[in-house]
mmCIF file of all heavy atoms, coordinates in Angstrom:
data_MODEL
# 
_entry.id   MODEL 
# 
loop_
_atom_site.group_PDB 
_atom_site.id 
_atom_site.type_symbol 
_atom_site.label_atom_id 
_atom_site.label_alt_id 
_atom_site.label_comp_id 
_atom_site.label_asym_id 
_atom_site.label_entity_id 
_atom_site.label_seq_id 
_atom_site.pdbx_PDB_ins_code 
_atom_site.Cartn_x 
_atom_site.Cartn_y 
_atom_site.Cartn_z 
_atom_site.occupancy 
_atom_site.B_iso_or_equiv 
_atom_site.pdbx_formal_charge 
_atom_site.auth_seq_id 
_atom_site.auth_comp_id 
_atom_site.auth_asym_id 
_atom_site.auth_atom_id 
_atom_site.pdbx_PDB_model_num 
ATOM 1   N N   . LYS A 1 1  ? -52.516 -21.132 13.435 1.00 0.00 ? 1  LYS A N   1 
ATOM 2   C CA  . LYS A 1 1  ? -51.736 -19.897 13.395 1.00 0.00 ? 1  LYS A CA  1 
ATOM 3   C C   . LYS A 1 1  ? -51.281 -19.502 14.793 1.00 0.00 ? 1  LYS A C   1 
ATOM 4   O O   . LYS A 1 1  ? -50.136 -19.067 15.014 1.00 0.00 ? 1  LYS A O   1 
ATOM 5   C CB  . LYS A 1 1  ? -52.583 -18.775 12.777 1.00 0.00 ? 1  LYS A CB  1 
ATOM 6   C CG  . LYS A 1 1  ? -51.829 -17.475 12.527 1.00 0.00 ? 1  LYS A CG  1 
ATOM 7   C CD  . LYS A 1 1  ? -50.850 -17.623 11.390 1.00 0.00 ? 1  LYS A CD  1 
ATOM 8   C CE  . LYS A 1 1  ? -50.199 -16.298 11.042 1.00 0.00 ? 1  LYS A CE  1 
ATOM 9   N NZ  . LYS A 1 1  ? -49.178 -16.454 9.982  1.00 0.00 ? 1  LYS A NZ  1 
ATOM 10  N N   . THR A 1 2  ? -52.168 -19.703 15.763 1.00 0.00 ? 2  THR A N   1 
ATOM 11  C CA  . THR A 1 2  ? -51.829 -19.390 17.151 1.00 0.00 ? 2  THR A CA  1 
ATOM 12  C C   . THR A 1 2  ? -50.714 -20.290 17.665 1.00 0.00 ? 2  THR A C   1 
ATOM 13  O O   . THR A 1 2  ? -49.817 -19.851 18.402 1.00 0.00 ? 2  THR A O   1 
ATOM 14  C CB  . THR A 1 2  ? -53.080 -19.534 18.048 1.00 0.00 ? 2  THR A CB  1 
ATOM 15  O OG1 . THR A 1 2  ? -54.112 -18.688 17.550 1.00 0.00 ? 2  THR A OG1 1 
ATOM 16  C CG2 . THR A 1 2  ? -52.771 -19.158 19.491 1.00 0.00 ? 2  THR A CG2 1 
ATOM 17  N N   . LEU A 1 3  ? -50.738 -21.578 17.272 1.00 0.00 ? 3  LEU A N   1 
ATOM 18  C CA  . LEU A 1 3  ? -49.698 -22.509 17.709 1.00 0.00 ? 3  LEU A CA  1 
ATOM 19  C C   . LEU A 1 3  ? -48.310 -22.091 17.218 1.00 0.00 ? 3  LEU A C   1 
ATOM 20  O O   . LEU A 1 3  ? -47.299 -22.466 17.823 1.00 0.00 ? 3  LEU A O   1 
ATOM 21  C CB  . LEU A 1 3  ? -50.010 -23.920 17.202 1.00 0.00 ? 3  LEU A CB  1 
ATOM 22  C CG  . LEU A 1 3  ? -51.100 -24.714 17.941 1.00 0.00 ? 3  LEU A CG  1 
ATOM 23  C CD1 . LEU A 1 3  ? -51.237 -26.093 17.327 1.00 0.00 ? 3  LEU A CD1 1 
ATOM 24  C CD2 . LEU A 1 3  ? -50.786 -24.826 19.427 1.00 0.00 ? 3  LEU A CD2 1 
ATOM 25  N N   . GLU A 1 4  ? -48.254 -21.339 16.130 1.00 0.00 ? 4  GLU A N   1 
ATOM 26  C CA  . GLU A 1 4  ? -46.970 -20.895 15.611 1.00 0.00 ? 4  GLU A CA  1 
ATOM 27  C C   . GLU A 1 4  ? -46.230 -19.973 16.584 1.00 0.00 ? 4  GLU A C   1 
ATOM 28  O O   . GLU A 1 4  ? -45.021 -19.748 16.447 1.00 0.00 ? 4  GLU A O   1 
ATOM 29  C CB  . GLU A 1 4  ? -47.164 -20.175 14.271 1.00 0.00 ? 4  GLU A CB  1 
ATOM 30  C CG  . GLU A 1 4  ? -47.605 -21.104 13.149 1.00 0.00 ? 4  GLU A CG  1 
ATOM 31  C CD  . GLU A 1 4  ? -47.837 -20.360 11.850 1.00 0.00 ? 4  GLU A CD  1 
ATOM 32  O OE1 . GLU A 1 4  ? -47.547 -19.144 11.800 1.00 0.00 ? 4  GLU A OE1 1 
ATOM 33  O OE2 . GLU A 1 4  ? -48.305 -20.995 10.878 1.00 0.00 ? 4  GLU A OE2 1 
ATOM 34  N N   . GLU A 1 5  ? -46.943 -19.469 17.591 1.00 0.00 ? 5  GLU A N   1 
ATOM 35  C CA  . GLU A 1 5  ? -46.309 -18.622 18.601 1.00 0.00 ? 5  GLU A CA  1 
ATOM 36  C C   . GLU A 1 5  ? -45.446 -19.436 19.565 1.00 0.00 ? 5  GLU A C   1 
ATOM 37  O O   . GLU A 1 5  ? -44.647 -18.875 20.325 1.00 0.00 ? 5  GLU A O   1 
ATOM 38  C CB  . GLU A 1 5  ? -47.371 -17.859 19.383 1.00 0.00 ? 5  GLU A CB  1 
ATOM 39  C CG  . GLU A 1 5  ? -48.235 -16.933 18.518 1.00 0.00 ? 5  GLU A CG  1 
ATOM 40  C CD  . GLU A 1 5  ? -49.390 -16.329 19.306 1.00 0.00 ? 5  GLU A CD  1 
ATOM 41  O OE1 . GLU A 1 5  ? -49.384 -16.453 20.561 1.00 0.00 ? 5  GLU A OE1 1 
ATOM 42  O OE2 . GLU A 1 5  ? -50.297 -15.747 18.679 1.00 0.00 ? 5  GLU A OE2 1 
ATOM 43  N N   . LEU A 1 6  ? -45.609 -20.762 19.545 1.00 0.00 ? 6  LEU A N   1 
ATOM 44  C CA  . LEU A 1 6  ? -44.877 -21.629 20.465 1.00 0.00 ? 6  LEU A CA  1 
ATOM 45  C C   . LEU A 1 6  ? -43.606 -22.181 19.810 1.00 0.00 ? 6  LEU A C   1 
ATOM 46  O O   . LEU A 1 6  ? -43.549 -22.336 18.590 1.00 0.00 ? 6  LEU A O   1 
ATOM 47  C CB  . LEU A 1 6  ? -45.762 -22.807 20.879 1.00 0.00 ? 6  LEU A CB  1 
ATOM 48  C CG  . LEU A 1 6  ? -47.003 -22.474 21.703 1.00 0.00 ? 6  LEU A CG  1 
ATOM 49  C CD1 . LEU A 1 6  ? -47.890 -23.704 21.830 1.00 0.00 ? 6  LEU A CD1 1 
ATOM 50  C CD2 . LEU A 1 6  ? -46.605 -21.967 23.092 1.00 0.00 ? 6  LEU A CD2 1 
ATOM 51  N N   . PRO A 1 7  ? -42.605 -22.560 20.605 1.00 0.00 ? 7  PRO A N   1 
ATOM 52  C CA  . PRO A 1 7  ? -41.436 -23.270 20.072 1.00 0.00 ? 7  PRO A CA  1 
ATOM 53  C C   . PRO A 1 7  ? -41.861 -24.608 19.478 1.00 0.00 ? 7  PRO A C   1 
ATOM 54  O O   . PRO A 1 7  ? -42.905 -25.158 19.831 1.00 0.00 ? 7  PRO A O   1 
ATOM 55  C CB  . PRO A 1 7  ? -40.530 -23.458 21.290 1.00 0.00 ? 7  PRO A CB  1 
ATOM 56  C CG  . PRO A 1 7  ? -41.021 -22.482 22.304 1.00 0.00 ? 7  PRO A CG  1 
ATOM 57  C CD  . PRO A 1 7  ? -42.474 -22.293 22.054 1.00 0.00 ? 7  PRO A CD  1 
ATOM 58  N N   . GLU A 1 8  ? -41.032 -25.160 18.601 1.00 0.00 ? 8  GLU A N   1 
ATOM 59  C CA  . GLU A 1 8  ? -41.390 -26.376 17.873 1.00 0.00 ? 8  GLU A CA  1 
ATOM 60  C C   . GLU A 1 8  ? -41.801 -27.518 18.794 1.00 0.00 ? 8  GLU A C   1 
ATOM 61  O O   . GLU A 1 8  ? -42.788 -28.212 18.543 1.00 0.00 ? 8  GLU A O   1 
ATOM 62  C CB  . GLU A 1 8  ? -40.219 -26.814 16.993 1.00 0.00 ? 8  GLU A CB  1 
ATOM 63  C CG  . GLU A 1 8  ? -40.514 -28.073 16.183 1.00 0.00 ? 8  GLU A CG  1 
ATOM 64  C CD  . GLU A 1 8  ? -39.329 -28.513 15.345 1.00 0.00 ? 8  GLU A CD  1 
ATOM 65  O OE1 . GLU A 1 8  ? -38.267 -27.842 15.394 1.00 0.00 ? 8  GLU A OE1 1 
ATOM 66  O OE2 . GLU A 1 8  ? -39.450 -29.532 14.644 1.00 0.00 ? 8  GLU A OE2 1 
ATOM 67  N N   . GLU A 1 9  ? -41.043 -27.726 19.866 1.00 0.00 ? 9  GLU A N   1 
ATOM 68  C CA  . GLU A 1 9  ? -41.335 -28.837 20.787 1.00 0.00 ? 9  GLU A CA  1 
ATOM 69  C C   . GLU A 1 9  ? -42.739 -28.718 21.355 1.00 0.00 ? 9  GLU A C   1 
ATOM 70  O O   . GLU A 1 9  ? -43.495 -29.692 21.427 1.00 0.00 ? 9  GLU A O   1 
ATOM 71  C CB  . GLU A 1 9  ? -40.297 -28.847 21.906 1.00 0.00 ? 9  GLU A CB  1 
ATOM 72  C CG  . GLU A 1 9  ? -40.527 -29.942 22.943 1.00 0.00 ? 9  GLU A CG  1 
ATOM 73  C CD  . GLU A 1 9  ? -39.529 -29.856 24.097 1.00 0.00 ? 9  GLU A CD  1 
ATOM 74  O OE1 . GLU A 1 9  ? -38.709 -28.905 24.116 1.00 0.00 ? 9  GLU A OE1 1 
ATOM 75  O OE2 . GLU A 1 9  ? -39.585 -30.735 24.975 1.00 0.00 ? 9  GLU A OE2 1 
ATOM 76  N N   . TYR A 1 10 ? -43.115 -27.513 21.779 1.00 0.00 ? 10 TYR A N   1 
ATOM 77  C CA  . TYR A 1 10 ? -44.430 -27.286 22.361 1.00 0.00 ? 10 TYR A CA  1 
ATOM 78  C C   . TYR A 1 10 ? -45.520 -27.301 21.279 1.00 0.00 ? 10 TYR A C   1 
ATOM 79  O O   . TYR A 1 10 ? -46.631 -27.804 21.506 1.00 0.00 ? 10 TYR A O   1 
ATOM 80  C CB  . TYR A 1 10 ? -44.451 -25.946 23.104 1.00 0.00 ? 10 TYR A CB  1 
ATOM 81  C CG  . TYR A 1 10 ? -43.736 -25.989 24.423 1.00 0.00 ? 10 TYR A CG  1 
ATOM 82  C CD1 . TYR A 1 10 ? -42.344 -25.949 24.484 1.00 0.00 ? 10 TYR A CD1 1 
ATOM 83  C CD2 . TYR A 1 10 ? -44.449 -26.083 25.618 1.00 0.00 ? 10 TYR A CD2 1 
ATOM 84  C CE1 . TYR A 1 10 ? -41.679 -26.002 25.692 1.00 0.00 ? 10 TYR A CE1 1 
ATOM 85  C CE2 . TYR A 1 10 ? -43.792 -26.126 26.841 1.00 0.00 ? 10 TYR A CE2 1 
ATOM 86  C CZ  . TYR A 1 10 ? -42.403 -26.085 26.873 1.00 0.00 ? 10 TYR A CZ  1 
ATOM 87  O OH  . TYR A 1 10 ? -41.751 -26.128 28.074 1.00 0.00 ? 10 TYR A OH  1 
ATOM 88  N N   . ARG A 1 11 ? -45.207 -26.735 20.137 1.00 0.00 ? 11 ARG A N   1 
ATOM 89  C CA  . ARG A 1 11 ? -46.172 -26.715 19.031 1.00 0.00 ? 11 ARG A CA  1 
ATOM 90  C C   . ARG A 1 11 ? -46.549 -28.140 18.634 1.00 0.00 ? 11 ARG A C   1 
ATOM 91  O O   . ARG A 1 11 ? -47.724 -28.465 18.446 1.00 0.00 ? 11 ARG A O   1 
ATOM 92  C CB  . ARG A 1 11 ? -45.569 -25.969 17.839 1.00 0.00 ? 11 ARG A CB  1 
ATOM 93  C CG  . ARG A 1 11 ? -46.547 -25.775 16.684 1.00 0.00 ? 11 ARG A CG  1 
ATOM 94  C CD  . ARG A 1 11 ? -46.004 -24.787 15.656 1.00 0.00 ? 11 ARG A CD  1 
ATOM 95  N NE  . ARG A 1 11 ? -44.816 -25.286 14.979 1.00 0.00 ? 11 ARG A NE  1 
ATOM 96  C CZ  . ARG A 1 11 ? -43.603 -24.748 15.091 1.00 0.00 ? 11 ARG A CZ  1 
ATOM 97  N NH1 . ARG A 1 11 ? -43.408 -23.676 15.857 1.00 0.00 ? 11 ARG A NH1 1 
ATOM 98  N NH2 . ARG A 1 11 ? -42.576 -25.259 14.427 1.00 0.00 ? 11 ARG A NH2 1 
ATOM 99  N N   . ASP A 1 12 ? -45.559 -29.025 18.535 1.00 0.00 ? 12 ASP A N   1 
ATOM 100 C CA  . ASP A 1 12 ? -45.801 -30.419 18.192 1.00 0.00 ? 12 ASP A CA  1 
ATOM 101 C C   . ASP A 1 12 ? -46.669 -31.095 19.256 1.00 0.00 ? 12 ASP A C   1 
ATOM 102 O O   . ASP A 1 12 ? -47.635 -31.805 18.945 1.00 0.00 ? 12 ASP A O   1 
ATOM 103 C CB  . ASP A 1 12 ? -44.467 -31.152 18.051 1.00 0.00 ? 12 ASP A CB  1 
ATOM 104 C CG  . ASP A 1 12 ? -44.641 -32.623 17.761 1.00 0.00 ? 12 ASP A CG  1 
ATOM 105 O OD1 . ASP A 1 12 ? -44.744 -32.980 16.576 1.00 0.00 ? 12 ASP A OD1 1 
ATOM 106 O OD2 . ASP A 1 12 ? -44.699 -33.436 18.715 1.00 0.00 ? 12 ASP A OD2 1 
ATOM 107 N N   . PHE A 1 13 ? -46.339 -30.861 20.528 1.00 0.00 ? 13 PHE A N   1 
ATOM 108 C CA  . PHE A 1 13 ? -47.071 -31.493 21.631 1.00 0.00 ? 13 PHE A CA  1 
ATOM 109 C C   . PHE A 1 13 ? -48.540 -31.081 21.633 1.00 0.00 ? 13 PHE A C   1 
ATOM 110 O O   . PHE A 1 13 ? -49.440 -31.925 21.698 1.00 0.00 ? 13 PHE A O   1 
ATOM 111 C CB  . PHE A 1 13 ? -46.422 -31.114 22.962 1.00 0.00 ? 13 PHE A CB  1 
ATOM 112 C CG  . PHE A 1 13 ? -47.178 -31.613 24.165 1.00 0.00 ? 13 PHE A CG  1 
ATOM 113 C CD1 . PHE A 1 13 ? -47.148 -32.948 24.521 1.00 0.00 ? 13 PHE A CD1 1 
ATOM 114 C CD2 . PHE A 1 13 ? -47.941 -30.739 24.939 1.00 0.00 ? 13 PHE A CD2 1 
ATOM 115 C CE1 . PHE A 1 13 ? -47.848 -33.411 25.628 1.00 0.00 ? 13 PHE A CE1 1 
ATOM 116 C CE2 . PHE A 1 13 ? -48.646 -31.189 26.042 1.00 0.00 ? 13 PHE A CE2 1 
ATOM 117 C CZ  . PHE A 1 13 ? -48.600 -32.529 26.392 1.00 0.00 ? 13 PHE A CZ  1 
ATOM 118 N N   . TYR A 1 14 ? -48.812 -29.791 21.522 1.00 0.00 ? 14 TYR A N   1 
ATOM 119 C CA  . TYR A 1 14 ? -50.196 -29.323 21.598 1.00 0.00 ? 14 TYR A CA  1 
ATOM 120 C C   . TYR A 1 14 ? -50.971 -29.609 20.309 1.00 0.00 ? 14 TYR A C   1 
ATOM 121 O O   . TYR A 1 14 ? -52.197 -29.791 20.347 1.00 0.00 ? 14 TYR A O   1 
ATOM 122 C CB  . TYR A 1 14 ? -50.236 -27.837 21.967 1.00 0.00 ? 14 TYR A CB  1 
ATOM 123 C CG  . TYR A 1 14 ? -49.911 -27.631 23.430 1.00 0.00 ? 14 TYR A CG  1 
ATOM 124 C CD1 . TYR A 1 14 ? -48.653 -27.196 23.832 1.00 0.00 ? 14 TYR A CD1 1 
ATOM 125 C CD2 . TYR A 1 14 ? -50.842 -27.939 24.410 1.00 0.00 ? 14 TYR A CD2 1 
ATOM 126 C CE1 . TYR A 1 14 ? -48.334 -27.050 25.180 1.00 0.00 ? 14 TYR A CE1 1 
ATOM 127 C CE2 . TYR A 1 14 ? -50.545 -27.798 25.759 1.00 0.00 ? 14 TYR A CE2 1 
ATOM 128 C CZ  . TYR A 1 14 ? -49.284 -27.354 26.144 1.00 0.00 ? 14 TYR A CZ  1 
ATOM 129 O OH  . TYR A 1 14 ? -48.986 -27.226 27.482 1.00 0.00 ? 14 TYR A OH  1 
ATOM 130 N N   . ALA A 1 15 ? -50.281 -29.674 19.196 1.00 0.00 ? 15 ALA A N   1 
ATOM 131 C CA  . ALA A 1 15 ? -50.957 -30.070 17.957 1.00 0.00 ? 15 ALA A CA  1 
ATOM 132 C C   . ALA A 1 15 ? -51.448 -31.515 18.057 1.00 0.00 ? 15 ALA A C   1 
ATOM 133 O O   . ALA A 1 15 ? -52.568 -31.837 17.630 1.00 0.00 ? 15 ALA A O   1 
ATOM 134 C CB  . ALA A 1 15 ? -50.008 -29.926 16.764 1.00 0.00 ? 15 ALA A CB  1 
ATOM 135 N N   . ARG A 1 16 ? -50.618 -32.384 18.650 1.00 0.00 ? 16 ARG A N   1 
ATOM 136 C CA  . ARG A 1 16 ? -51.038 -33.777 18.818 1.00 0.00 ? 16 ARG A CA  1 
ATOM 137 C C   . ARG A 1 16 ? -52.208 -33.878 19.786 1.00 0.00 ? 16 ARG A C   1 
ATOM 138 O O   . ARG A 1 16 ? -53.111 -34.698 19.606 1.00 0.00 ? 16 ARG A O   1 
ATOM 139 C CB  . ARG A 1 16 ? -49.859 -34.636 19.287 1.00 0.00 ? 16 ARG A CB  1 
ATOM 140 C CG  . ARG A 1 16 ? -48.772 -34.780 18.220 1.00 0.00 ? 16 ARG A CG  1 
ATOM 141 C CD  . ARG A 1 16 ? -47.549 -35.541 18.732 1.00 0.00 ? 16 ARG A CD  1 
ATOM 142 N NE  . ARG A 1 16 ? -46.474 -35.515 17.756 1.00 0.00 ? 16 ARG A NE  1 
ATOM 143 C CZ  . ARG A 1 16 ? -46.361 -36.356 16.741 1.00 0.00 ? 16 ARG A CZ  1 
ATOM 144 N NH1 . ARG A 1 16 ? -47.257 -37.324 16.593 1.00 0.00 ? 16 ARG A NH1 1 
ATOM 145 N NH2 . ARG A 1 16 ? -45.362 -36.259 15.889 1.00 0.00 ? 16 ARG A NH2 1 
ATOM 146 N N   . ARG A 1 17 ? -52.210 -33.051 20.806 1.00 0.00 ? 17 ARG A N   1 
ATOM 147 C CA  . ARG A 1 17 ? -53.343 -33.040 21.734 1.00 0.00 ? 17 ARG A CA  1 
ATOM 148 C C   . ARG A 1 17 ? -54.622 -32.589 21.023 1.00 0.00 ? 17 ARG A C   1 
ATOM 149 O O   . ARG A 1 17 ? -55.712 -33.121 21.272 1.00 0.00 ? 17 ARG A O   1 
ATOM 150 C CB  . ARG A 1 17 ? -53.057 -32.120 22.916 1.00 0.00 ? 17 ARG A CB  1 
ATOM 151 C CG  . ARG A 1 17 ? -52.111 -32.723 23.949 1.00 0.00 ? 17 ARG A CG  1 
ATOM 152 C CD  . ARG A 1 17 ? -52.134 -31.917 25.244 1.00 0.00 ? 17 ARG A CD  1 
ATOM 153 N NE  . ARG A 1 17 ? -53.475 -31.860 25.817 1.00 0.00 ? 17 ARG A NE  1 
ATOM 154 C CZ  . ARG A 1 17 ? -53.799 -31.077 26.859 1.00 0.00 ? 17 ARG A CZ  1 
ATOM 155 N NH1 . ARG A 1 17 ? -52.886 -30.286 27.400 1.00 0.00 ? 17 ARG A NH1 1 
ATOM 156 N NH2 . ARG A 1 17 ? -55.021 -31.077 27.337 1.00 0.00 ? 17 ARG A NH2 1 
ATOM 157 N N   . MET A 1 18 ? -54.479 -31.609 20.124 1.00 0.00 ? 18 MET A N   1 
ATOM 158 C CA  . MET A 1 18 ? -55.637 -31.156 19.364 1.00 0.00 ? 18 MET A CA  1 
ATOM 159 C C   . MET A 1 18 ? -56.194 -32.277 18.485 1.00 0.00 ? 18 MET A C   1 
ATOM 160 O O   . MET A 1 18 ? -57.411 -32.470 18.399 1.00 0.00 ? 18 MET A O   1 
ATOM 161 C CB  . MET A 1 18 ? -55.253 -29.945 18.496 1.00 0.00 ? 18 MET A CB  1 
ATOM 162 C CG  . MET A 1 18 ? -55.052 -28.662 19.289 1.00 0.00 ? 18 MET A CG  1 
ATOM 163 S SD  . MET A 1 18 ? -54.340 -27.349 18.270 1.00 0.00 ? 18 MET A SD  1 
ATOM 164 C CE  . MET A 1 18 ? -55.628 -27.135 17.036 1.00 0.00 ? 18 MET A CE  1 
ATOM 165 N N   . VAL A 1 19 ? -55.279 -33.030 17.841 1.00 0.00 ? 19 VAL A N   1 
ATOM 166 C CA  . VAL A 1 19 ? -55.717 -34.136 16.996 1.00 0.00 ? 19 VAL A CA  1 
ATOM 167 C C   . VAL A 1 19 ? -56.479 -35.169 17.825 1.00 0.00 ? 19 VAL A C   1 
ATOM 168 O O   . VAL A 1 19 ? -57.544 -35.663 17.425 1.00 0.00 ? 19 VAL A O   1 
ATOM 169 C CB  . VAL A 1 19 ? -54.515 -34.791 16.291 1.00 0.00 ? 19 VAL A CB  1 
ATOM 170 C CG1 . VAL A 1 19 ? -54.926 -36.094 15.610 1.00 0.00 ? 19 VAL A CG1 1 
ATOM 171 C CG2 . VAL A 1 19 ? -53.914 -33.829 15.276 1.00 0.00 ? 19 VAL A CG2 1 
ATOM 172 N N   . LEU A 1 20 ? -55.952 -35.497 18.984 1.00 0.00 ? 20 LEU A N   1 
ATOM 173 C CA  . LEU A 1 20 ? -56.620 -36.470 19.857 1.00 0.00 ? 20 LEU A CA  1 
ATOM 174 C C   . LEU A 1 20 ? -57.988 -35.974 20.282 1.00 0.00 ? 20 LEU A C   1 
ATOM 175 O O   . LEU A 1 20 ? -58.950 -36.747 20.361 1.00 0.00 ? 20 LEU A O   1 
ATOM 176 C CB  . LEU A 1 20 ? -55.752 -36.752 21.090 1.00 0.00 ? 20 LEU A CB  1 
ATOM 177 C CG  . LEU A 1 20 ? -54.461 -37.537 20.843 1.00 0.00 ? 20 LEU A CG  1 
ATOM 178 C CD1 . LEU A 1 20 ? -53.616 -37.577 22.107 1.00 0.00 ? 20 LEU A CD1 1 
ATOM 179 C CD2 . LEU A 1 20 ? -54.780 -38.954 20.372 1.00 0.00 ? 20 LEU A CD2 1 
ATOM 180 N N   . ARG A 1 21 ? -58.085 -34.684 20.551 1.00 0.00 ? 21 ARG A N   1 
ATOM 181 C CA  . ARG A 1 21 ? -59.376 -34.120 20.970 1.00 0.00 ? 21 ARG A CA  1 
ATOM 182 C C   . ARG A 1 21 ? -60.389 -34.178 19.823 1.00 0.00 ? 21 ARG A C   1 
ATOM 183 O O   . ARG A 1 21 ? -61.560 -34.488 20.030 1.00 0.00 ? 21 ARG A O   1 
ATOM 184 C CB  . ARG A 1 21 ? -59.183 -32.687 21.445 1.00 0.00 ? 21 ARG A CB  1 
ATOM 185 C CG  . ARG A 1 21 ? -60.449 -32.067 22.047 1.00 0.00 ? 21 ARG A CG  1 
ATOM 186 C CD  . ARG A 1 21 ? -60.117 -30.803 22.812 1.00 0.00 ? 21 ARG A CD  1 
ATOM 187 N NE  . ARG A 1 21 ? -61.311 -30.169 23.346 1.00 0.00 ? 21 ARG A NE  1 
ATOM 188 C CZ  . ARG A 1 21 ? -61.933 -30.553 24.456 1.00 0.00 ? 21 ARG A CZ  1 
ATOM 189 N NH1 . ARG A 1 21 ? -61.445 -31.592 25.144 1.00 0.00 ? 21 ARG A NH1 1 
ATOM 190 N NH2 . ARG A 1 21 ? -63.000 -29.928 24.884 1.00 0.00 ? 21 ARG A NH2 1 
ATOM 191 N N   . ILE A 1 22 ? -59.929 -33.892 18.619 1.00 0.00 ? 22 ILE A N   1 
ATOM 192 C CA  . ILE A 1 22 ? -60.816 -33.985 17.452 1.00 0.00 ? 22 ILE A CA  1 
ATOM 193 C C   . ILE A 1 22 ? -61.290 -35.426 17.257 1.00 0.00 ? 22 ILE A C   1 
ATOM 194 O O   . ILE A 1 22 ? -62.479 -35.692 17.024 1.00 0.00 ? 22 ILE A O   1 
ATOM 195 C CB  . ILE A 1 22 ? -60.105 -33.465 16.192 1.00 0.00 ? 22 ILE A CB  1 
ATOM 196 C CG1 . ILE A 1 22 ? -59.923 -31.940 16.272 1.00 0.00 ? 22 ILE A CG1 1 
ATOM 197 C CG2 . ILE A 1 22 ? -60.887 -33.837 14.931 1.00 0.00 ? 22 ILE A CG2 1 
ATOM 198 C CD1 . ILE A 1 22 ? -59.066 -31.362 15.169 1.00 0.00 ? 22 ILE A CD1 1 
ATOM 199 N N   . GLN A 1 23 ? -60.359 -36.371 17.369 1.00 0.00 ? 23 GLN A N   1 
ATOM 200 C CA  . GLN A 1 23 ? -60.738 -37.772 17.219 1.00 0.00 ? 23 GLN A CA  1 
ATOM 201 C C   . GLN A 1 23 ? -61.749 -38.185 18.268 1.00 0.00 ? 23 GLN A C   1 
ATOM 202 O O   . GLN A 1 23 ? -62.733 -38.884 17.984 1.00 0.00 ? 23 GLN A O   1 
ATOM 203 C CB  . GLN A 1 23 ? -59.497 -38.662 17.303 1.00 0.00 ? 23 GLN A CB  1 
ATOM 204 C CG  . GLN A 1 23 ? -58.559 -38.534 16.113 1.00 0.00 ? 23 GLN A CG  1 
ATOM 205 C CD  . GLN A 1 23 ? -57.299 -39.351 16.290 1.00 0.00 ? 23 GLN A CD  1 
ATOM 206 O OE1 . GLN A 1 23 ? -56.886 -39.644 17.411 1.00 0.00 ? 23 GLN A OE1 1 
ATOM 207 N NE2 . GLN A 1 23 ? -56.680 -39.722 15.179 1.00 0.00 ? 23 GLN A NE2 1 
ATOM 208 N N   . GLU A 1 24 ? -61.542 -37.741 19.497 1.00 0.00 ? 24 GLU A N   1 
ATOM 209 C CA  . GLU A 1 24 ? -62.422 -38.108 20.611 1.00 0.00 ? 24 GLU A CA  1 
ATOM 210 C C   . GLU A 1 24 ? -63.813 -37.515 20.447 1.00 0.00 ? 24 GLU A C   1 
ATOM 211 O O   . GLU A 1 24 ? -64.826 -38.168 20.689 1.00 0.00 ? 24 GLU A O   1 
ATOM 212 C CB  . GLU A 1 24 ? -61.792 -37.635 21.921 1.00 0.00 ? 24 GLU A CB  1 
ATOM 213 C CG  . GLU A 1 24 ? -62.671 -37.879 23.156 1.00 0.00 ? 24 GLU A CG  1 
ATOM 214 C CD  . GLU A 1 24 ? -62.101 -37.219 24.397 1.00 0.00 ? 24 GLU A CD  1 
ATOM 215 O OE1 . GLU A 1 24 ? -60.921 -36.809 24.381 1.00 0.00 ? 24 GLU A OE1 1 
ATOM 216 O OE2 . GLU A 1 24 ? -62.846 -37.092 25.391 1.00 0.00 ? 24 GLU A OE2 1 
ATOM 217 N N   . LYS A 1 25 ? -63.886 -36.262 20.019 1.00 0.00 ? 25 LYS A N   1 
ATOM 218 C CA  . LYS A 1 25 ? -65.148 -35.545 19.987 1.00 0.00 ? 25 LYS A CA  1 
ATOM 219 C C   . LYS A 1 25 ? -65.916 -35.678 18.674 1.00 0.00 ? 25 LYS A C   1 
ATOM 220 O O   . LYS A 1 25 ? -67.145 -35.552 18.658 1.00 0.00 ? 25 LYS A O   1 
ATOM 221 C CB  . LYS A 1 25 ? -64.896 -34.051 20.270 1.00 0.00 ? 25 LYS A CB  1 
ATOM 222 C CG  . LYS A 1 25 ? -64.352 -33.753 21.645 1.00 0.00 ? 25 LYS A CG  1 
ATOM 223 C CD  . LYS A 1 25 ? -65.382 -34.071 22.729 1.00 0.00 ? 25 LYS A CD  1 
ATOM 224 C CE  . LYS A 1 25 ? -64.884 -33.656 24.110 1.00 0.00 ? 25 LYS A CE  1 
ATOM 225 N NZ  . LYS A 1 25 ? -65.880 -33.963 25.168 1.00 0.00 ? 25 LYS A NZ  1 
ATOM 226 N N   . ALA A 1 26 ? -65.203 -35.868 17.550 1.00 0.00 ? 26 ALA A N   1 
ATOM 227 C CA  . ALA A 1 26 ? -65.865 -35.774 16.256 1.00 0.00 ? 26 ALA A CA  1 
ATOM 228 C C   . ALA A 1 26 ? -65.857 -37.059 15.431 1.00 0.00 ? 26 ALA A C   1 
ATOM 229 O O   . ALA A 1 26 ? -66.728 -37.226 14.573 1.00 0.00 ? 26 ALA A O   1 
ATOM 230 C CB  . ALA A 1 26 ? -65.228 -34.644 15.430 1.00 0.00 ? 26 ALA A CB  1 
ATOM 231 N N   . TYR A 1 27 ? -64.904 -37.962 15.658 1.00 0.00 ? 27 TYR A N   1 
ATOM 232 C CA  . TYR A 1 27 ? -64.874 -39.175 14.850 1.00 0.00 ? 27 TYR A CA  1 
ATOM 233 C C   . TYR A 1 27 ? -66.064 -40.069 15.217 1.00 0.00 ? 27 TYR A C   1 
ATOM 234 O O   . TYR A 1 27 ? -66.466 -40.147 16.376 1.00 0.00 ? 27 TYR A O   1 
ATOM 235 C CB  . TYR A 1 27 ? -63.577 -39.941 15.086 1.00 0.00 ? 27 TYR A CB  1 
ATOM 236 C CG  . TYR A 1 27 ? -62.397 -39.439 14.285 1.00 0.00 ? 27 TYR A CG  1 
ATOM 237 C CD1 . TYR A 1 27 ? -62.337 -38.118 13.860 1.00 0.00 ? 27 TYR A CD1 1 
ATOM 238 C CD2 . TYR A 1 27 ? -61.349 -40.280 13.938 1.00 0.00 ? 27 TYR A CD2 1 
ATOM 239 C CE1 . TYR A 1 27 ? -61.244 -37.647 13.141 1.00 0.00 ? 27 TYR A CE1 1 
ATOM 240 C CE2 . TYR A 1 27 ? -60.265 -39.828 13.206 1.00 0.00 ? 27 TYR A CE2 1 
ATOM 241 C CZ  . TYR A 1 27 ? -60.212 -38.502 12.820 1.00 0.00 ? 27 TYR A CZ  1 
ATOM 242 O OH  . TYR A 1 27 ? -59.148 -38.044 12.102 1.00 0.00 ? 27 TYR A OH  1 
ATOM 243 N N   . SER A 1 28 ? -66.607 -40.750 14.217 1.00 0.00 ? 28 SER A N   1 
ATOM 244 C CA  . SER A 1 28 ? -67.769 -41.623 14.414 1.00 0.00 ? 28 SER A CA  1 
ATOM 245 C C   . SER A 1 28 ? -67.347 -43.078 14.292 1.00 0.00 ? 28 SER A C   1 
ATOM 246 O O   . SER A 1 28 ? -66.445 -43.421 13.541 1.00 0.00 ? 28 SER A O   1 
ATOM 247 C CB  . SER A 1 28 ? -68.852 -41.315 13.377 1.00 0.00 ? 28 SER A CB  1 
ATOM 248 O OG  . SER A 1 28 ? -69.899 -42.248 13.460 1.00 0.00 ? 28 SER A OG  1 
# 
């Protein structure tokens, strides 16, 4: 919901960073 405050280009970029962080920290 917070990411929706950003323009699409930035929202896409930071969403992908979030996915990478989840994969790095939580995937087994």
